[in-house]
Amino acid sequence: MTTRIQGLWLPLITPFRDGALDEVSLRRLARRYLAEPVDGLILAATTGEGLTLDDDETARLVAVVAAEVTGKIPLYLGLSGSDTRKMVKALARTAPWPIDGYLIACPYYSRPSQEGLHRHFAALAGETARPIMVYNIPYRTGVNMSNDTLLRLAALPGIVGVKDCCADQAQSFDLMRGKPEGFAVMTGEDALFYGALTQGADGGILAAAHVGTARFAAVRAALLGRDQPAALRACRALVDLPR
């Protein structure tokens, strides 16, 4: 619970060869990004084929990457689903796995109320000792978690941050103004990385940072060094990559 979520995280891609998990390439990827300025990895998220991996593939994916990175950088597992009971079972099934926390998306398609969202995540937080990052991405799930709901969840000890893809910069800014100390806001919008950092985001979970990883990290490093012109130059040099 004490590992701070910040900096540049990768939603690691999952390589396959001939329809099977490519463990050789997976190990190579894990080692490569350990040598880059990456502060955390998320496995089996959308970018990592989480919606199409079966349970055995996901377990093997975690085992292979954990063997390379455990104790060096945080390793989170992506989970998603609209049935709270099934999600509780998923937490129980993955409890023995060598991971540090979870990235859990808002329930998709069913579009629960704000109270329903709160109860869903509160129930999940009560079922695991591991930290949970909420994944708010309304243009995929069909429901937008409000800042009021998110801040209610932030008061729970197990809810430690959010991957913010709300696509509303005013909502994101208000969240960063009101968030409690220690609650991480990580943008998931690659093209908005610079702007989110200038408004107070703790970092980003960026798929495009698989390529030019150090260049993305340089944007944040320049801002931390109070060199805003250098950060802007670094950002402008990257603007076409997420596209």
C-alpha atoms as a PDB file:
ATOM      1  CA  MET A   1       0.000   0.000   0.000  1.00  0.00           C
ATOM      2  CA  THR A   2       2.911   2.356   0.578  1.00  0.00           C
ATOM      3  CA  THR A   3       4.393   2.290  -2.960  1.00  0.00           C
ATOM      4  CA  ARG A   4       3.592   5.641  -4.481  1.00  0.00           C
ATOM      5  CA  ILE A   5       2.105   5.596  -7.958  1.00  0.00           C
ATOM      6  CA  GLN A   6       3.877   8.175 -10.082  1.00  0.00           C
ATOM      7  CA  GLY A   7       5.983   8.695 -13.176  1.00  0.00           C
ATOM      8  CA  LEU A   8       5.764   6.722 -16.390  1.00  0.00           C
ATOM      9  CA  TRP A   9       3.935   3.378 -16.360  1.00  0.00           C
ATOM     10  CA  LEU A  10       3.480   1.021 -19.315  1.00  0.00           C
ATOM     11  CA  PRO A  11       0.356  -1.044 -20.022  1.00  0.00           C
ATOM     12  CA  LEU A  12       2.625  -3.769 -21.349  1.00  0.00           C
ATOM     13  CA  ILE A  13       1.729  -5.395 -24.657  1.00  0.00           C
ATOM     14  CA  THR A  14       1.317  -9.179 -24.684  1.00  0.00           C
ATOM     15  CA  PRO A  15       3.270 -10.844 -27.514  1.00  0.00           C
ATOM     16  CA  PHE A  16       1.983 -13.979 -29.227  1.00  0.00           C
ATOM     17  CA  ARG A  17       3.470 -16.398 -31.732  1.00  0.00           C
ATOM     18  CA  ASP A  18       1.322 -18.900 -33.649  1.00  0.00           C
ATOM     19  CA  GLY A  19      -1.613 -18.277 -31.335  1.00  0.00           C
ATOM     20  CA  ALA A  20       0.294 -18.916 -28.116  1.00  0.00           C
ATOM     21  CA  LEU A  21       1.900 -16.647 -25.543  1.00  0.00           C
ATOM     22  CA  ASP A  22       5.405 -15.778 -26.775  1.00  0.00           C
ATOM     23  CA  GLU A  23       7.329 -16.143 -23.532  1.00  0.00           C
ATOM     24  CA  VAL A  24      10.726 -15.475 -25.103  1.00  0.00           C
ATOM     25  CA  SER A  25       9.596 -12.105 -26.429  1.00  0.00           C
ATOM     26  CA  LEU A  26       7.744 -11.359 -23.201  1.00  0.00           C
ATOM     27  CA  ARG A  27      10.897 -11.841 -21.124  1.00  0.00           C
ATOM     28  CA  ARG A  28      12.842  -9.691 -23.557  1.00  0.00           C
ATOM     29  CA  LEU A  29      10.253  -6.913 -23.293  1.00  0.00           C
ATOM     30  CA  ALA A  30      10.295  -7.031 -19.494  1.00  0.00           C
ATOM     31  CA  ARG A  31      14.082  -6.795 -19.411  1.00  0.00           C
ATOM     32  CA  ARG A  32      14.103  -4.014 -21.974  1.00  0.00           C
ATOM     33  CA  TYR A  33      11.721  -1.790 -20.049  1.00  0.00           C
ATOM     34  CA  LEU A  34      13.513  -2.429 -16.782  1.00  0.00           C
ATOM     35  CA  ALA A  35      16.473  -0.727 -18.453  1.00  0.00           C
ATOM     36  CA  GLU A  36      14.287   2.236 -19.457  1.00  0.00           C
ATOM     37  CA  PRO A  37      12.926   5.024 -17.185  1.00  0.00           C
ATOM     38  CA  VAL A  38       9.716   3.099 -16.490  1.00  0.00           C
ATOM     39  CA  ASP A  39       8.221   3.346 -13.006  1.00  0.00           C
ATOM     40  CA  GLY A  40       5.619   0.565 -13.206  1.00  0.00           C
ATOM     41  CA  LEU A  41       4.012  -2.046 -15.445  1.00  0.00           C
ATOM     42  CA  ILE A  42       0.402  -3.096 -15.894  1.00  0.00           C
ATOM     43  CA  LEU A  43      -0.319  -6.530 -17.338  1.00  0.00           C
ATOM     44  CA  ALA A  44      -3.406  -7.786 -19.158  1.00  0.00           C
ATOM     45  CA  ALA A  45      -4.890  -4.338 -19.573  1.00  0.00           C
ATOM     46  CA  THR A  46      -6.575  -3.413 -22.866  1.00  0.00           C
ATOM     47  CA  THR A  47      -3.212  -2.860 -24.560  1.00  0.00           C
ATOM     48  CA  GLY A  48      -2.097  -6.224 -23.163  1.00  0.00           C
ATOM     49  CA  GLU A  49      -5.029  -8.159 -24.669  1.00  0.00           C
ATOM     50  CA  GLY A  50      -6.720  -8.535 -21.295  1.00  0.00           C
ATOM     51  CA  LEU A  51     -10.174  -8.981 -22.811  1.00  0.00           C
ATOM     52  CA  THR A  52      -9.054 -11.969 -24.893  1.00  0.00           C
ATOM     53  CA  LEU A  53      -6.635 -13.791 -22.584  1.00  0.00           C
ATOM     54  CA  ASP A  54      -7.947 -16.874 -20.809  1.00  0.00           C
ATOM     55  CA  ASP A  55      -7.202 -17.494 -17.133  1.00  0.00           C
ATOM     56  CA  ASP A  56      -4.263 -19.815 -17.780  1.00  0.00           C
ATOM     57  CA  GLU A  57      -2.659 -17.361 -20.224  1.00  0.00           C
ATOM     58  CA  THR A  58      -3.073 -14.503 -17.779  1.00  0.00           C
ATOM     59  CA  ALA A  59      -1.536 -16.529 -14.956  1.00  0.00           C
ATOM     60  CA  ARG A  60       1.432 -17.469 -17.113  1.00  0.00           C
ATOM     61  CA  LEU A  61       1.818 -13.881 -18.321  1.00  0.00           C
ATOM     62  CA  VAL A  62       2.056 -12.663 -14.741  1.00  0.00           C
ATOM     63  CA  ALA A  63       4.468 -15.412 -13.718  1.00  0.00           C
ATOM     64  CA  VAL A  64       6.863 -14.726 -16.601  1.00  0.00           C
ATOM     65  CA  VAL A  65       6.993 -10.959 -16.115  1.00  0.00           C
ATOM     66  CA  ALA A  66       7.093 -11.163 -12.313  1.00  0.00           C
ATOM     67  CA  ALA A  67      10.171 -13.385 -12.538  1.00  0.00           C
ATOM     68  CA  GLU A  68      11.952 -10.493 -14.258  1.00  0.00           C
ATOM     69  CA  VAL A  69      10.655  -7.432 -12.384  1.00  0.00           C
ATOM     70  CA  THR A  70       9.552  -8.390  -8.855  1.00  0.00           C
ATOM     71  CA  GLY A  71      11.155  -6.114  -6.297  1.00  0.00           C
ATOM     72  CA  LYS A  72      12.358  -3.686  -8.951  1.00  0.00           C
ATOM     73  CA  ILE A  73       9.205  -1.876 -10.118  1.00  0.00           C
ATOM     74  CA  PRO A  74       5.513  -2.250  -9.212  1.00  0.00           C
ATOM     75  CA  LEU A  75       3.498  -4.779 -11.219  1.00  0.00           C
ATOM     76  CA  TYR A  76      -0.259  -4.295 -11.498  1.00  0.00           C
ATOM     77  CA  LEU A  77      -2.865  -6.550 -13.107  1.00  0.00           C
ATOM     78  CA  GLY A  78      -5.676  -5.190 -15.247  1.00  0.00           C
ATOM     79  CA  LEU A  79      -9.172  -6.467 -14.470  1.00  0.00           C
ATOM     80  CA  SER A  80     -12.546  -5.532 -15.899  1.00  0.00           C
ATOM     81  CA  GLY A  81     -16.127  -6.709 -15.657  1.00  0.00           C
ATOM     82  CA  SER A  82     -19.640  -5.581 -14.873  1.00  0.00           C
ATOM     83  CA  ASP A  83     -20.571  -8.305 -12.346  1.00  0.00           C
ATOM     84  CA  THR A  84     -19.302  -7.417  -8.875  1.00  0.00           C
ATOM     85  CA  ARG A  85     -19.541 -11.038  -7.717  1.00  0.00           C
ATOM     86  CA  LYS A  86     -17.413 -12.289 -10.618  1.00  0.00           C
ATOM     87  CA  MET A  87     -14.882  -9.545  -9.955  1.00  0.00           C
ATOM     88  CA  VAL A  88     -14.667 -10.609  -6.305  1.00  0.00           C
ATOM     89  CA  LYS A  89     -13.948 -14.146  -7.508  1.00  0.00           C
ATOM     90  CA  ALA A  90     -11.254 -12.789  -9.831  1.00  0.00           C
ATOM     91  CA  LEU A  91      -9.606 -11.069  -6.874  1.00  0.00           C
ATOM     92  CA  ALA A  92      -9.694 -14.320  -4.916  1.00  0.00           C
ATOM     93  CA  ARG A  93      -8.309 -16.309  -7.847  1.00  0.00           C
ATOM     94  CA  THR A  94      -5.395 -13.914  -8.324  1.00  0.00           C
ATOM     95  CA  ALA A  95      -4.654 -13.447  -4.622  1.00  0.00           C
ATOM     96  CA  PRO A  96      -1.643 -15.830  -4.697  1.00  0.00           C
ATOM     97  CA  TRP A  97      -0.184 -14.221  -7.829  1.00  0.00           C
ATOM     98  CA  PRO A  98       3.060 -12.169  -7.592  1.00  0.00           C
ATOM     99  CA  ILE A  99       1.496  -8.771  -8.294  1.00  0.00           C
ATOM    100  CA  ASP A 100       1.476  -5.532  -6.327  1.00  0.00           C
ATOM    101  CA  GLY A 101      -1.974  -4.185  -7.156  1.00  0.00           C
ATOM    102  CA  TYR A 102      -4.855  -3.934  -9.626  1.00  0.00           C
ATOM    103  CA  LEU A 103      -6.075  -1.564 -12.320  1.00  0.00           C
ATOM    104  CA  ILE A 104      -9.847  -2.077 -12.419  1.00  0.00           C
ATOM    105  CA  ALA A 105     -12.065  -0.506 -15.066  1.00  0.00           C
ATOM    106  CA  CYS A 106     -15.514   0.874 -14.387  1.00  0.00           C
ATOM    107  CA  PRO A 107     -18.269  -1.639 -15.202  1.00  0.00           C
ATOM    108  CA  TYR A 108     -18.951  -1.477 -18.909  1.00  0.00           C
ATOM    109  CA  TYR A 109     -22.185  -1.406 -20.910  1.00  0.00           C
ATOM    110  CA  SER A 110     -24.532  -1.651 -17.915  1.00  0.00           C
ATOM    111  CA  ARG A 111     -23.867   2.029 -17.095  1.00  0.00           C
ATOM    112  CA  PRO A 112     -24.463   1.915 -13.332  1.00  0.00           C
ATOM    113  CA  SER A 113     -25.393   4.981 -11.322  1.00  0.00           C
ATOM    114  CA  GLN A 114     -22.772   6.862  -9.356  1.00  0.00           C
ATOM    115  CA  GLU A 115     -23.935   5.084  -6.213  1.00  0.00           C
ATOM    116  CA  GLY A 116     -23.637   1.782  -8.063  1.00  0.00           C
ATOM    117  CA  LEU A 117     -20.077   2.644  -9.090  1.00  0.00           C
ATOM    118  CA  HIS A 118     -19.194   3.495  -5.509  1.00  0.00           C
ATOM    119  CA  ARG A 119     -20.651   0.270  -4.149  1.00  0.00           C
ATOM    120  CA  HIS A 120     -18.903  -1.808  -6.835  1.00  0.00           C
ATOM    121  CA  PHE A 121     -15.431  -0.459  -6.089  1.00  0.00           C
ATOM    122  CA  ALA A 122     -15.994  -0.303  -2.338  1.00  0.00           C
ATOM    123  CA  ALA A 123     -16.947  -3.979  -2.391  1.00  0.00           C
ATOM    124  CA  LEU A 124     -13.825  -4.866  -4.371  1.00  0.00           C
ATOM    125  CA  ALA A 125     -11.573  -2.826  -2.084  1.00  0.00           C
ATOM    126  CA  GLY A 126     -13.003  -4.769   0.846  1.00  0.00           C
ATOM    127  CA  GLU A 127     -12.016  -8.084  -0.744  1.00  0.00           C
ATOM    128  CA  THR A 128      -8.285  -7.526  -1.264  1.00  0.00           C
ATOM    129  CA  ALA A 129      -5.368  -6.237   0.744  1.00  0.00           C
ATOM    130  CA  ARG A 130      -3.750  -4.999  -2.465  1.00  0.00           C
ATOM    131  CA  PRO A 131      -4.135  -1.421  -3.717  1.00  0.00           C
ATOM    132  CA  ILE A 132      -6.604  -0.672  -6.497  1.00  0.00           C
ATOM    133  CA  MET A 133      -6.344   1.949  -9.202  1.00  0.00           C
ATOM    134  CA  VAL A 134      -9.689   2.895 -10.732  1.00  0.00           C
ATOM    135  CA  TYR A 135      -9.754   3.071 -14.538  1.00  0.00           C
ATOM    136  CA  ASN A 136     -12.229   5.725 -15.677  1.00  0.00           C
ATOM    137  CA  ILE A 137     -12.641   5.582 -19.458  1.00  0.00           C
ATOM    138  CA  PRO A 138     -16.258   6.497 -20.273  1.00  0.00           C
ATOM    139  CA  TYR A 139     -15.878   6.435 -24.061  1.00  0.00           C
ATOM    140  CA  ARG A 140     -15.242   2.682 -23.773  1.00  0.00           C
ATOM    141  CA  THR A 141     -17.387   1.695 -20.775  1.00  0.00           C
ATOM    142  CA  GLY A 142     -20.386   3.969 -21.360  1.00  0.00           C
ATOM    143  CA  VAL A 143     -20.290   5.488 -17.859  1.00  0.00           C
ATOM    144  CA  ASN A 144     -18.261   8.382 -16.473  1.00  0.00           C
ATOM    145  CA  MET A 145     -17.298   8.247 -12.814  1.00  0.00           C
ATOM    146  CA  SER A 146     -17.845  11.697 -11.351  1.00  0.00           C
ATOM    147  CA  ASN A 147     -15.210  13.406  -9.253  1.00  0.00           C
ATOM    148  CA  ASP A 148     -17.531  13.269  -6.256  1.00  0.00           C
ATOM    149  CA  THR A 149     -17.737   9.489  -6.545  1.00  0.00           C
ATOM    150  CA  LEU A 150     -14.017   9.128  -7.131  1.00  0.00           C
ATOM    151  CA  LEU A 151     -13.170  11.277  -4.115  1.00  0.00           C
ATOM    152  CA  ARG A 152     -15.525   9.206  -1.960  1.00  0.00           C
ATOM    153  CA  LEU A 153     -13.609   6.132  -3.076  1.00  0.00           C
ATOM    154  CA  ALA A 154     -10.277   7.877  -2.457  1.00  0.00           C
ATOM    155  CA  ALA A 155     -11.206   7.998   1.223  1.00  0.00           C
ATOM    156  CA  LEU A 156     -11.035   4.183   1.329  1.00  0.00           C
ATOM    157  CA  PRO A 157      -7.581   2.836   2.230  1.00  0.00           C
ATOM    158  CA  GLY A 158      -7.472   0.384  -0.683  1.00  0.00           C
ATOM    159  CA  ILE A 159      -8.275   2.869  -3.474  1.00  0.00           C
ATOM    160  CA  VAL A 160      -4.970   4.568  -4.236  1.00  0.00           C
ATOM    161  CA  GLY A 161      -5.381   6.274  -7.601  1.00  0.00           C
ATOM    162  CA  VAL A 162      -7.051   6.597 -10.958  1.00  0.00           C
ATOM    163  CA  LYS A 163      -6.081   6.098 -14.563  1.00  0.00           C
ATOM    164  CA  ASP A 164      -7.874   9.124 -15.915  1.00  0.00           C
ATOM    165  CA  CYS A 165      -9.292   8.883 -19.427  1.00  0.00           C
ATOM    166  CA  CYS A 166     -12.449  10.890 -18.799  1.00  0.00           C
ATOM    167  CA  ALA A 167     -11.763  12.990 -21.955  1.00  0.00           C
ATOM    168  CA  ASP A 168     -12.918  16.122 -20.136  1.00  0.00           C
ATOM    169  CA  GLN A 169      -9.979  18.345 -19.260  1.00  0.00           C
ATOM    170  CA  ALA A 170     -12.093  20.473 -16.914  1.00  0.00           C
ATOM    171  CA  GLN A 171     -13.136  17.359 -14.971  1.00  0.00           C
ATOM    172  CA  SER A 172      -9.517  16.199 -14.790  1.00  0.00           C
ATOM    173  CA  PHE A 173      -8.333  19.608 -13.578  1.00  0.00           C
ATOM    174  CA  ASP A 174     -11.000  19.749 -10.881  1.00  0.00           C
ATOM    175  CA  LEU A 175     -10.041  16.251  -9.748  1.00  0.00           C
ATOM    176  CA  MET A 176      -6.400  17.233  -9.384  1.00  0.00           C
ATOM    177  CA  ARG A 177      -7.409  20.328  -7.423  1.00  0.00           C
ATOM    178  CA  GLY A 178      -9.511  18.325  -4.997  1.00  0.00           C
ATOM    179  CA  LYS A 179      -7.694  15.022  -4.631  1.00  0.00           C
ATOM    180  CA  PRO A 180      -6.333  14.076  -1.208  1.00  0.00           C
ATOM    181  CA  GLU A 181      -2.632  13.751  -0.488  1.00  0.00           C
ATOM    182  CA  GLY A 182      -1.290  10.414  -1.633  1.00  0.00           C
ATOM    183  CA  PHE A 183      -4.073   9.714  -4.141  1.00  0.00           C
ATOM    184  CA  ALA A 184      -2.499   9.370  -7.593  1.00  0.00           C
ATOM    185  CA  VAL A 185      -3.948  10.780 -10.797  1.00  0.00           C
ATOM    186  CA  MET A 186      -2.297   9.106 -13.787  1.00  0.00           C
ATOM    187  CA  THR A 187      -3.400  10.262 -17.200  1.00  0.00           C
ATOM    188  CA  GLY A 188      -4.126   7.544 -19.702  1.00  0.00           C
ATOM    189  CA  GLU A 189      -4.351   9.951 -22.612  1.00  0.00           C
ATOM    190  CA  ASP A 190      -0.956   9.836 -24.302  1.00  0.00           C
ATOM    191  CA  ALA A 191      -1.464  13.034 -26.284  1.00  0.00           C
ATOM    192  CA  LEU A 192      -2.441  14.962 -23.130  1.00  0.00           C
ATOM    193  CA  PHE A 193       0.547  13.862 -21.039  1.00  0.00           C
ATOM    194  CA  TYR A 194       2.254  17.256 -20.926  1.00  0.00           C
ATOM    195  CA  GLY A 195      -0.937  19.167 -20.146  1.00  0.00           C
ATOM    196  CA  ALA A 196      -1.947  16.733 -17.418  1.00  0.00           C
ATOM    197  CA  LEU A 197       1.458  17.029 -15.754  1.00  0.00           C
ATOM    198  CA  THR A 198       1.323  20.820 -15.780  1.00  0.00           C
ATOM    199  CA  GLN A 199      -2.071  20.644 -14.050  1.00  0.00           C
ATOM    200  CA  GLY A 200      -0.802  18.361 -11.297  1.00  0.00           C
ATOM    201  CA  ALA A 201      -1.045  14.771 -12.550  1.00  0.00           C
ATOM    202  CA  ASP A 202       1.353  12.333 -10.918  1.00  0.00           C
ATOM    203  CA  GLY A 203       2.308  10.749 -14.223  1.00  0.00           C
ATOM    204  CA  GLY A 204       0.878   8.711 -17.047  1.00  0.00           C
ATOM    205  CA  ILE A 205       0.009   5.166 -18.108  1.00  0.00           C
ATOM    206  CA  LEU A 206       0.883   5.512 -21.762  1.00  0.00           C
ATOM    207  CA  ALA A 207       0.661   2.876 -24.500  1.00  0.00           C
ATOM    208  CA  ALA A 208       2.654   5.028 -26.939  1.00  0.00           C
ATOM    209  CA  ALA A 209       5.564   5.073 -24.486  1.00  0.00           C
ATOM    210  CA  HIS A 210       6.447   1.548 -25.603  1.00  0.00           C
ATOM    211  CA  VAL A 211       8.229   3.537 -28.335  1.00  0.00           C
ATOM    212  CA  GLY A 212      10.582   6.371 -27.394  1.00  0.00           C
ATOM    213  CA  THR A 213      10.152   5.565 -23.704  1.00  0.00           C
ATOM    214  CA  ALA A 214      12.943   7.845 -22.520  1.00  0.00           C
ATOM    215  CA  ARG A 215      11.526  10.731 -24.548  1.00  0.00           C
ATOM    216  CA  PHE A 216       8.214  10.530 -22.696  1.00  0.00           C
ATOM    217  CA  ALA A 217      10.018  10.312 -19.370  1.00  0.00           C
ATOM    218  CA  ALA A 218      12.043  13.397 -20.328  1.00  0.00           C
ATOM    219  CA  VAL A 219       8.866  15.504 -20.437  1.00  0.00           C
ATOM    220  CA  ARG A 220       8.142  14.808 -16.778  1.00  0.00           C
ATOM    221  CA  ALA A 221      11.819  15.074 -15.774  1.00  0.00           C
ATOM    222  CA  ALA A 222      12.056  18.540 -17.295  1.00  0.00           C
ATOM    223  CA  LEU A 223       8.930  19.701 -15.459  1.00  0.00           C
ATOM    224  CA  LEU A 224      10.213  18.292 -12.172  1.00  0.00           C
ATOM    225  CA  GLY A 225      13.430  20.223 -12.857  1.00  0.00           C
ATOM    226  CA  ARG A 226      11.359  23.402 -13.360  1.00  0.00           C
ATOM    227  CA  ASP A 227      12.438  23.633 -16.993  1.00  0.00           C
ATOM    228  CA  GLN A 228       9.071  24.191 -18.637  1.00  0.00           C
ATOM    229  CA  PRO A 229      10.485  25.252 -22.037  1.00  0.00           C
ATOM    230  CA  ALA A 230      12.458  21.997 -22.272  1.00  0.00           C
ATOM    231  CA  ALA A 231       9.379  19.990 -21.306  1.00  0.00           C
ATOM    232  CA  LEU A 232       7.334  21.732 -23.992  1.00  0.00           C
ATOM    233  CA  ARG A 233      10.008  21.078 -26.605  1.00  0.00           C
ATOM    234  CA  ALA A 234      10.123  17.399 -25.642  1.00  0.00           C
ATOM    235  CA  CYS A 235       6.332  17.193 -25.813  1.00  0.00           C
ATOM    236  CA  ARG A 236       6.166  18.847 -29.226  1.00  0.00           C
ATOM    237  CA  ALA A 237       8.715  16.390 -30.577  1.00  0.00           C
ATOM    238  CA  LEU A 238       6.409  13.538 -29.493  1.00  0.00           C
ATOM    239  CA  VAL A 239       3.074  14.926 -30.611  1.00  0.00           C
ATOM    240  CA  ASP A 240       2.721  12.742 -33.701  1.00  0.00           C
ATOM    241  CA  LEU A 241       3.647   9.477 -31.994  1.00  0.00           C
ATOM    242  CA  PRO A 242       0.358   8.854 -30.094  1.00  0.00           C
ATOM    243  CA  ARG A 243      -1.541   9.650 -33.291  1.00  0.00           C
END
